Amino acid sequence: MNKVLMKKEIYIMLFAVLGFLVHFLILESLETIYIGYTLKDLPLFVYQLVIPVWLALGLLSGFLQGKFFWRKIYVEKVRKENILNWIHKKR
């Protein structure tokens, strides 16, 4: 297998895991704050449907961000110095 292709797949997979973890942390912090409200006013099946959808959105958003940043960093070779130069030119 080509090293670049393997690096790309690992990069995108790690971004997907990162997206999942970030969404999980957000979900858990919101659960901690609003757990009393959700258990009183929402039926349990609605609550159980929200969790997998939220975590699937985390995986999907991480995957799409991984593809986006792979293209920006490795294909288009957008670097920090180029971004800073572009910002300073605008002023």
PDB file of N, CA and C in Angstrom:
ATOM      1  N   MET A   1       0.846  -1.182   0.000  1.00  0.00           N
ATOM      2  CA  MET A   1       0.000   0.000   0.000  1.00  0.00           C
ATOM      3  C   MET A   1       0.889   1.242   0.000  1.00  0.00           C
ATOM      4  N   ASN A   2       0.479   2.233  -0.714  1.00  0.00           N
ATOM      5  CA  ASN A   2       1.218   3.474  -0.824  1.00  0.00           C
ATOM      6  C   ASN A   2       1.257   4.182   0.533  1.00  0.00           C
ATOM      7  N   LYS A   3       2.446   4.722   0.906  1.00  0.00           N
ATOM      8  CA  LYS A   3       2.583   5.384   2.207  1.00  0.00           C
ATOM      9  C   LYS A   3       1.687   6.604   2.328  1.00  0.00           C
ATOM     10  N   VAL A   4       1.579   7.368   1.244  1.00  0.00           N
ATOM     11  CA  VAL A   4       0.756   8.585   1.287  1.00  0.00           C
ATOM     12  C   VAL A   4      -0.711   8.226   1.459  1.00  0.00           C
ATOM     13  N   LEU A   5      -1.161   7.193   0.767  1.00  0.00           N
ATOM     14  CA  LEU A   5      -2.557   6.775   0.883  1.00  0.00           C
ATOM     15  C   LEU A   5      -2.847   6.265   2.289  1.00  0.00           C
ATOM     16  N   MET A   6      -1.911   5.502   2.853  1.00  0.00           N
ATOM     17  CA  MET A   6      -2.091   5.008   4.211  1.00  0.00           C
ATOM     18  C   MET A   6      -2.092   6.162   5.218  1.00  0.00           C
ATOM     19  N   LYS A   7      -1.209   7.136   5.003  1.00  0.00           N
ATOM     20  CA  LYS A   7      -1.161   8.300   5.888  1.00  0.00           C
ATOM     21  C   LYS A   7      -2.471   9.076   5.820  1.00  0.00           C
ATOM     22  N   LYS A   8      -3.018   9.198   4.618  1.00  0.00           N
ATOM     23  CA  LYS A   8      -4.284   9.914   4.442  1.00  0.00           C
ATOM     24  C   LYS A   8      -5.419   9.203   5.168  1.00  0.00           C
ATOM     25  N   GLU A   9      -5.488   7.878   5.031  1.00  0.00           N
ATOM     26  CA  GLU A   9      -6.552   7.127   5.689  1.00  0.00           C
ATOM     27  C   GLU A   9      -6.451   7.226   7.205  1.00  0.00           C
ATOM     28  N   ILE A  10      -5.237   7.135   7.748  1.00  0.00           N
ATOM     29  CA  ILE A  10      -5.046   7.259   9.196  1.00  0.00           C
ATOM     30  C   ILE A  10      -5.414   8.660   9.664  1.00  0.00           C
ATOM     31  N   TYR A  11      -5.009   9.680   8.905  1.00  0.00           N
ATOM     32  CA  TYR A  11      -5.304  11.079   9.234  1.00  0.00           C
ATOM     33  C   TYR A  11      -6.806  11.299   9.308  1.00  0.00           C
ATOM     34  N   ILE A  12      -7.525  10.829   8.304  1.00  0.00           N
ATOM     35  CA  ILE A  12      -8.980  11.024   8.260  1.00  0.00           C
ATOM     36  C   ILE A  12      -9.655  10.218   9.366  1.00  0.00           C
ATOM     37  N   MET A  13      -9.170   8.998   9.624  1.00  0.00           N
ATOM     38  CA  MET A  13      -9.749   8.177  10.679  1.00  0.00           C
ATOM     39  C   MET A  13      -9.554   8.839  12.051  1.00  0.00           C
ATOM     40  N   LEU A  14      -8.376   9.391  12.296  1.00  0.00           N
ATOM     41  CA  LEU A  14      -8.122  10.048  13.577  1.00  0.00           C
ATOM     42  C   LEU A  14      -8.971  11.305  13.740  1.00  0.00           C
ATOM     43  N   PHE A  15      -9.200  12.030  12.645  1.00  0.00           N
ATOM     44  CA  PHE A  15     -10.094  13.188  12.711  1.00  0.00           C
ATOM     45  C   PHE A  15     -11.515  12.745  13.037  1.00  0.00           C
ATOM     46  N   ALA A  16     -11.955  11.616  12.473  1.00  0.00           N
ATOM     47  CA  ALA A  16     -13.292  11.107  12.776  1.00  0.00           C
ATOM     48  C   ALA A  16     -13.399  10.732  14.251  1.00  0.00           C
ATOM     49  N   VAL A  17     -12.369  10.096  14.792  1.00  0.00           N
ATOM     50  CA  VAL A  17     -12.370   9.745  16.212  1.00  0.00           C
ATOM     51  C   VAL A  17     -12.380  11.013  17.065  1.00  0.00           C
ATOM     52  N   LEU A  18     -11.606  12.013  16.660  1.00  0.00           N
ATOM     53  CA  LEU A  18     -11.595  13.278  17.385  1.00  0.00           C
ATOM     54  C   LEU A  18     -12.970  13.939  17.360  1.00  0.00           C
ATOM     55  N   GLY A  19     -13.628  13.930  16.223  1.00  0.00           N
ATOM     56  CA  GLY A  19     -14.985  14.479  16.132  1.00  0.00           C
ATOM     57  C   GLY A  19     -15.952  13.742  17.034  1.00  0.00           C
ATOM     58  N   PHE A  20     -15.834  12.411  17.076  1.00  0.00           N
ATOM     59  CA  PHE A  20     -16.667  11.602  17.953  1.00  0.00           C
ATOM     60  C   PHE A  20     -16.428  11.975  19.411  1.00  0.00           C
ATOM     61  N   LEU A  21     -15.169  12.101  19.801  1.00  0.00           N
ATOM     62  CA  LEU A  21     -14.845  12.422  21.193  1.00  0.00           C
ATOM     63  C   LEU A  21     -15.324  13.814  21.589  1.00  0.00           C
ATOM     64  N   VAL A  22     -15.167  14.776  20.700  1.00  0.00           N
ATOM     65  CA  VAL A  22     -15.627  16.139  21.001  1.00  0.00           C
ATOM     66  C   VAL A  22     -17.145  16.153  21.162  1.00  0.00           C
ATOM     67  N   HIS A  23     -17.851  15.485  20.253  1.00  0.00           N
ATOM     68  CA  HIS A  23     -19.308  15.435  20.375  1.00  0.00           C
ATOM     69  C   HIS A  23     -19.734  14.679  21.626  1.00  0.00           C
ATOM     70  N   PHE A  24     -18.990  13.644  21.986  1.00  0.00           N
ATOM     71  CA  PHE A  24     -19.298  12.903  23.207  1.00  0.00           C
ATOM     72  C   PHE A  24     -19.126  13.792  24.436  1.00  0.00           C
ATOM     73  N   LEU A  25     -18.048  14.576  24.473  1.00  0.00           N
ATOM     74  CA  LEU A  25     -17.828  15.477  25.612  1.00  0.00           C
ATOM     75  C   LEU A  25     -18.915  16.545  25.703  1.00  0.00           C
ATOM     76  N   ILE A  26     -19.312  17.079  24.556  1.00  0.00           N
ATOM     77  CA  ILE A  26     -20.390  18.070  24.550  1.00  0.00           C
ATOM     78  C   ILE A  26     -21.694  17.434  25.035  1.00  0.00           C
ATOM     79  N   LEU A  27     -21.989  16.241  24.537  1.00  0.00           N
ATOM     80  CA  LEU A  27     -23.202  15.542  24.950  1.00  0.00           C
ATOM     81  C   LEU A  27     -23.205  15.273  26.448  1.00  0.00           C
ATOM     82  N   GLU A  28     -22.102  14.802  26.973  1.00  0.00           N
ATOM     83  CA  GLU A  28     -22.041  14.482  28.389  1.00  0.00           C
ATOM     84  C   GLU A  28     -22.133  15.734  29.262  1.00  0.00           C
ATOM     85  N   SER A  29     -21.532  16.828  28.828  1.00  0.00           N
ATOM     86  CA  SER A  29     -21.645  18.056  29.616  1.00  0.00           C
ATOM     87  C   SER A  29     -23.080  18.578  29.601  1.00  0.00           C
ATOM     88  N   LEU A  30     -23.753  18.487  28.457  1.00  0.00           N
ATOM     89  CA  LEU A  30     -25.155  18.901  28.408  1.00  0.00           C
ATOM     90  C   LEU A  30     -26.042  17.967  29.228  1.00  0.00           C
ATOM     91  N   GLU A  31     -25.728  16.678  29.214  1.00  0.00           N
ATOM     92  CA  GLU A  31     -26.500  15.747  30.039  1.00  0.00           C
ATOM     93  C   GLU A  31     -26.352  16.067  31.518  1.00  0.00           C
ATOM     94  N   THR A  32     -25.142  16.401  31.914  1.00  0.00           N
ATOM     95  CA  THR A  32     -24.907  16.712  33.317  1.00  0.00           C
ATOM     96  C   THR A  32     -25.719  17.928  33.748  1.00  0.00           C
ATOM     97  N   ILE A  33     -25.798  18.916  32.900  1.00  0.00           N
ATOM     98  CA  ILE A  33     -26.515  20.147  33.232  1.00  0.00           C
ATOM     99  C   ILE A  33     -28.029  19.930  33.201  1.00  0.00           C
ATOM    100  N   TYR A  34     -28.507  19.250  32.173  1.00  0.00           N
ATOM    101  CA  TYR A  34     -29.954  19.164  31.956  1.00  0.00           C
ATOM    102  C   TYR A  34     -30.549  17.787  32.218  1.00  0.00           C
ATOM    103  N   ILE A  35     -29.892  16.951  32.989  1.00  0.00           N
ATOM    104  CA  ILE A  35     -30.387  15.583  33.174  1.00  0.00           C
ATOM    105  C   ILE A  35     -31.760  15.550  33.842  1.00  0.00           C
ATOM    106  N   GLY A  36     -31.993  16.409  34.799  1.00  0.00           N
ATOM    107  CA  GLY A  36     -33.297  16.432  35.457  1.00  0.00           C
ATOM    108  C   GLY A  36     -34.410  16.820  34.506  1.00  0.00           C
ATOM    109  N   TYR A  37     -34.158  17.817  33.672  1.00  0.00           N
ATOM    110  CA  TYR A  37     -35.171  18.282  32.729  1.00  0.00           C
ATOM    111  C   TYR A  37     -35.490  17.218  31.691  1.00  0.00           C
ATOM    112  N   THR A  38     -34.471  16.584  31.158  1.00  0.00           N
ATOM    113  CA  THR A  38     -34.703  15.610  30.093  1.00  0.00           C
ATOM    114  C   THR A  38     -35.449  14.386  30.590  1.00  0.00           C
ATOM    115  N   LEU A  39     -35.176  13.977  31.802  1.00  0.00           N
ATOM    116  CA  LEU A  39     -35.861  12.783  32.301  1.00  0.00           C
ATOM    117  C   LEU A  39     -37.295  13.082  32.712  1.00  0.00           C
ATOM    118  N   LYS A  40     -37.590  14.323  33.082  1.00  0.00           N
ATOM    119  CA  LYS A  40     -38.958  14.669  33.482  1.00  0.00           C
ATOM    120  C   LYS A  40     -39.857  14.890  32.272  1.00  0.00           C
ATOM    121  N   ASP A  41     -39.381  15.683  31.308  1.00  0.00           N
ATOM    122  CA  ASP A  41     -40.257  16.148  30.245  1.00  0.00           C
ATOM    123  C   ASP A  41     -40.163  15.370  28.940  1.00  0.00           C
ATOM    124  N   LEU A  42     -39.053  14.710  28.696  1.00  0.00           N
ATOM    125  CA  LEU A  42     -38.923  13.957  27.451  1.00  0.00           C
ATOM    126  C   LEU A  42     -39.136  12.475  27.706  1.00  0.00           C
ATOM    127  N   PRO A  43     -39.836  11.834  26.825  1.00  0.00           N
ATOM    128  CA  PRO A  43     -39.945  10.369  26.966  1.00  0.00           C
ATOM    129  C   PRO A  43     -38.564   9.726  26.807  1.00  0.00           C
ATOM    130  N   LEU A  44     -38.369   8.594  27.424  1.00  0.00           N
ATOM    131  CA  LEU A  44     -37.073   7.942  27.425  1.00  0.00           C
ATOM    132  C   LEU A  44     -36.639   7.530  26.022  1.00  0.00           C
ATOM    133  N   PHE A  45     -37.567   7.111  25.150  1.00  0.00           N
ATOM    134  CA  PHE A  45     -37.178   6.674  23.818  1.00  0.00           C
ATOM    135  C   PHE A  45     -36.643   7.838  22.979  1.00  0.00           C
ATOM    136  N   VAL A  46     -37.168   9.040  23.194  1.00  0.00           N
ATOM    137  CA  VAL A  46     -36.642  10.214  22.483  1.00  0.00           C
ATOM    138  C   VAL A  46     -35.216  10.483  22.937  1.00  0.00           C
ATOM    139  N   TYR A  47     -34.996  10.390  24.227  1.00  0.00           N
ATOM    140  CA  TYR A  47     -33.673  10.592  24.797  1.00  0.00           C
ATOM    141  C   TYR A  47     -32.682   9.566  24.248  1.00  0.00           C
ATOM    142  N   GLN A  48     -33.124   8.326  24.097  1.00  0.00           N
ATOM    143  CA  GLN A  48     -32.256   7.282  23.585  1.00  0.00           C
ATOM    144  C   GLN A  48     -32.016   7.425  22.088  1.00  0.00           C
ATOM    145  N   LEU A  49     -32.900   8.086  21.365  1.00  0.00           N
ATOM    146  CA  LEU A  49     -32.692   8.317  19.932  1.00  0.00           C
ATOM    147  C   LEU A  49     -31.717   9.459  19.676  1.00  0.00           C
ATOM    148  N   VAL A  50     -31.673  10.418  20.567  1.00  0.00           N
ATOM    149  CA  VAL A  50     -30.816  11.590  20.377  1.00  0.00           C
ATOM    150  C   VAL A  50     -29.343  11.219  20.490  1.00  0.00           C
ATOM    151  N   ILE A  51     -29.002  10.350  21.416  1.00  0.00           N
ATOM    152  CA  ILE A  51     -27.598  10.026  21.672  1.00  0.00           C
ATOM    153  C   ILE A  51     -26.915   9.408  20.461  1.00  0.00           C
ATOM    154  N   PRO A  52     -27.456   8.348  19.833  1.00  0.00           N
ATOM    155  CA  PRO A  52     -26.748   7.788  18.672  1.00  0.00           C
ATOM    156  C   PRO A  52     -26.673   8.750  17.488  1.00  0.00           C
ATOM    157  N   VAL A  53     -27.726   9.536  17.299  1.00  0.00           N
ATOM    158  CA  VAL A  53     -27.707  10.505  16.198  1.00  0.00           C
ATOM    159  C   VAL A  53     -26.623  11.548  16.442  1.00  0.00           C
ATOM    160  N   TRP A  54     -26.526  12.039  17.662  1.00  0.00           N
ATOM    161  CA  TRP A  54     -25.516  13.042  18.002  1.00  0.00           C
ATOM    162  C   TRP A  54     -24.104  12.490  17.794  1.00  0.00           C
ATOM    163  N   LEU A  55     -23.863  11.264  18.238  1.00  0.00           N
ATOM    164  CA  LEU A  55     -22.529  10.670  18.092  1.00  0.00           C
ATOM    165  C   LEU A  55     -22.221  10.343  16.636  1.00  0.00           C
ATOM    166  N   ALA A  56     -23.236   9.952  15.863  1.00  0.00           N
ATOM    167  CA  ALA A  56     -23.021   9.722  14.425  1.00  0.00           C
ATOM    168  C   ALA A  56     -22.673  11.032  13.726  1.00  0.00           C
ATOM    169  N   LEU A  57     -23.305  12.122  14.150  1.00  0.00           N
ATOM    170  CA  LEU A  57     -22.947  13.428  13.592  1.00  0.00           C
ATOM    171  C   LEU A  57     -21.508  13.794  13.940  1.00  0.00           C
ATOM    172  N   GLY A  58     -21.053  13.396  15.112  1.00  0.00           N
ATOM    173  CA  GLY A  58     -19.663  13.628  15.497  1.00  0.00           C
ATOM    174  C   GLY A  58     -18.705  12.887  14.586  1.00  0.00           C
ATOM    175  N   LEU A  59     -19.009  11.620  14.307  1.00  0.00           N
ATOM    176  CA  LEU A  59     -18.163  10.850  13.394  1.00  0.00           C
ATOM    177  C   LEU A  59     -18.165  11.454  11.994  1.00  0.00           C
ATOM    178  N   LEU A  60     -19.345  11.826  11.507  1.00  0.00           N
ATOM    179  CA  LEU A  60     -19.454  12.396  10.172  1.00  0.00           C
ATOM    180  C   LEU A  60     -18.726  13.732  10.073  1.00  0.00           C
ATOM    181  N   SER A  61     -18.904  14.590  11.063  1.00  0.00           N
ATOM    182  CA  SER A  61     -18.234  15.890  11.002  1.00  0.00           C
ATOM    183  C   SER A  61     -16.720  15.727  11.106  1.00  0.00           C
ATOM    184  N   GLY A  62     -16.248  14.806  11.931  1.00  0.00           N
ATOM    185  CA  GLY A  62     -14.807  14.545  12.009  1.00  0.00           C
ATOM    186  C   GLY A  62     -14.260  14.010  10.700  1.00  0.00           C
ATOM    187  N   PHE A  63     -14.998  13.118  10.058  1.00  0.00           N
ATOM    188  CA  PHE A  63     -14.583  12.576   8.767  1.00  0.00           C
ATOM    189  C   PHE A  63     -14.482  13.671   7.713  1.00  0.00           C
ATOM    190  N   LEU A  64     -15.500  14.521   7.644  1.00  0.00           N
ATOM    191  CA  LEU A  64     -15.495  15.599   6.644  1.00  0.00           C
ATOM    192  C   LEU A  64     -14.397  16.626   6.935  1.00  0.00           C
ATOM    193  N   GLN A  65     -14.155  16.930   8.206  1.00  0.00           N
ATOM    194  CA  GLN A  65     -13.068  17.844   8.546  1.00  0.00           C
ATOM    195  C   GLN A  65     -11.719  17.238   8.209  1.00  0.00           C
ATOM    196  N   GLY A  66     -11.564  15.935   8.430  1.00  0.00           N
ATOM    197  CA  GLY A  66     -10.327  15.265   8.076  1.00  0.00           C
ATOM    198  C   GLY A  66     -10.051  15.345   6.583  1.00  0.00           C
ATOM    199  N   LYS A  67     -11.071  15.108   5.766  1.00  0.00           N
ATOM    200  CA  LYS A  67     -10.904  15.222   4.310  1.00  0.00           C
ATOM    201  C   LYS A  67     -10.576  16.654   3.913  1.00  0.00           C
ATOM    202  N   PHE A  68     -11.229  17.638   4.536  1.00  0.00           N
ATOM    203  CA  PHE A  68     -11.000  19.032   4.211  1.00  0.00           C
ATOM    204  C   PHE A  68      -9.576  19.456   4.554  1.00  0.00           C
ATOM    205  N   PHE A  69      -9.140  19.143   5.782  1.00  0.00           N
ATOM    206  CA  PHE A  69      -7.810  19.575   6.197  1.00  0.00           C
ATOM    207  C   PHE A  69      -6.710  18.780   5.514  1.00  0.00           C
ATOM    208  N   TRP A  70      -6.974  17.528   5.135  1.00  0.00           N
ATOM    209  CA  TRP A  70      -5.981  16.787   4.343  1.00  0.00           C
ATOM    210  C   TRP A  70      -5.729  17.520   3.037  1.00  0.00           C
ATOM    211  N   ARG A  71      -6.804  17.933   2.378  1.00  0.00           N
ATOM    212  CA  ARG A  71      -6.658  18.636   1.103  1.00  0.00           C
ATOM    213  C   ARG A  71      -5.920  19.958   1.290  1.00  0.00           C
ATOM    214  N   LYS A  72      -6.280  20.703   2.341  1.00  0.00           N
ATOM    215  CA  LYS A  72      -5.646  22.002   2.569  1.00  0.00           C
ATOM    216  C   LYS A  72      -4.170  21.863   2.919  1.00  0.00           C
ATOM    217  N   ILE A  73      -3.835  20.920   3.795  1.00  0.00           N
ATOM    218  CA  ILE A  73      -2.468  20.827   4.299  1.00  0.00           C
ATOM    219  C   ILE A  73      -1.555  20.077   3.348  1.00  0.00           C
ATOM    220  N   TYR A  74      -2.000  18.948   2.791  1.00  0.00           N
ATOM    221  CA  TYR A  74      -1.106  18.098   2.020  1.00  0.00           C
ATOM    222  C   TYR A  74      -1.253  18.251   0.516  1.00  0.00           C
ATOM    223  N   VAL A  75      -2.422  18.613   0.021  1.00  0.00           N
ATOM    224  CA  VAL A  75      -2.599  18.751  -1.424  1.00  0.00           C
ATOM    225  C   VAL A  75      -2.342  20.189  -1.859  1.00  0.00           C
ATOM    226  N   GLU A  76      -3.037  21.144  -1.235  1.00  0.00           N
ATOM    227  CA  GLU A  76      -2.859  22.545  -1.595  1.00  0.00           C
ATOM    228  C   GLU A  76      -1.664  23.168  -0.891  1.00  0.00           C
ATOM    229  N   LYS A  77      -1.110  22.476   0.095  1.00  0.00           N
ATOM    230  CA  LYS A  77       0.070  22.906   0.854  1.00  0.00           C
ATOM    231  C   LYS A  77      -0.110  24.294   1.468  1.00  0.00           C
ATOM    232  N   VAL A  78      -1.269  24.505   2.071  1.00  0.00           N
ATOM    233  CA  VAL A  78      -1.532  25.742   2.794  1.00  0.00           C
ATOM    234  C   VAL A  78      -0.823  25.645   4.135  1.00  0.00           C
ATOM    235  N   ARG A  79       0.064  26.568   4.386  1.00  0.00           N
ATOM    236  CA  ARG A  79       0.851  26.543   5.615  1.00  0.00           C
ATOM    237  C   ARG A  79       0.506  27.751   6.483  1.00  0.00           C
ATOM    238  N   LYS A  80       0.905  27.678   7.735  1.00  0.00           N
ATOM    239  CA  LYS A  80       0.627  28.747   8.687  1.00  0.00           C
ATOM    240  C   LYS A  80       1.223  30.065   8.212  1.00  0.00           C
ATOM    241  N   GLU A  81       2.440  30.025   7.669  1.00  0.00           N
ATOM    242  CA  GLU A  81       3.091  31.254   7.218  1.00  0.00           C
ATOM    243  C   GLU A  81       2.301  31.902   6.076  1.00  0.00           C
ATOM    244  N   ASN A  82       1.768  31.095   5.170  1.00  0.00           N
ATOM    245  CA  ASN A  82       0.983  31.641   4.063  1.00  0.00           C
ATOM    246  C   ASN A  82      -0.295  32.306   4.567  1.00  0.00           C
ATOM    247  N   ILE A  83      -0.924  31.697   5.556  1.00  0.00           N
ATOM    248  CA  ILE A  83      -2.151  32.267   6.113  1.00  0.00           C
ATOM    249  C   ILE A  83      -1.850  33.584   6.816  1.00  0.00           C
ATOM    250  N   LEU A  84      -0.761  33.608   7.600  1.00  0.00           N
ATOM    251  CA  LEU A  84      -0.393  34.848   8.301  1.00  0.00           C
ATOM    252  C   LEU A  84      -0.023  35.954   7.317  1.00  0.00           C
ATOM    253  N   ASN A  85       0.690  35.617   6.236  1.00  0.00           N
ATOM    254  CA  ASN A  85       1.014  36.625   5.222  1.00  0.00           C
ATOM    255  C   ASN A  85      -0.254  37.165   4.570  1.00  0.00           C
ATOM    256  N   TRP A  86      -1.210  36.289   4.298  1.00  0.00           N
ATOM    257  CA  TRP A  86      -2.450  36.709   3.675  1.00  0.00           C
ATOM    258  C   TRP A  86      -3.222  37.643   4.619  1.00  0.00           C
ATOM    259  N   ILE A  87      -3.230  37.343   5.908  1.00  0.00           N
ATOM    260  CA  ILE A  87      -3.931  38.196   6.884  1.00  0.00           C
ATOM    261  C   ILE A  87      -3.274  39.566   6.966  1.00  0.00           C
ATOM    262  N   HIS A  88      -1.942  39.600   6.990  1.00  0.00           N
ATOM    263  CA  HIS A  88      -1.235  40.880   7.112  1.00  0.00           C
ATOM    264  C   HIS A  88      -1.362  41.716   5.849  1.00  0.00           C
ATOM    265  N   LYS A  89      -1.518  41.104   4.689  1.00  0.00           N
ATOM    266  CA  LYS A  89      -1.724  41.851   3.444  1.00  0.00           C
ATOM    267  C   LYS A  89      -3.067  42.549   3.428  1.00  0.00           C
ATOM    268  N   LYS A  90      -4.077  41.924   4.064  1.00  0.00           N
ATOM    269  CA  LYS A  90      -5.416  42.493   4.082  1.00  0.00           C
ATOM    270  C   LYS A  90      -5.495  43.793   4.877  1.00  0.00           C
ATOM    271  N   ARG A  91      -4.630  43.963   5.852  1.00  0.00           N
ATOM    272  CA  ARG A  91      -4.698  45.152   6.707  1.00  0.00           C
ATOM    273  C   ARG A  91      -4.082  46.337   6.081  1.00  0.00           C
TER     274      ARG A  91
END
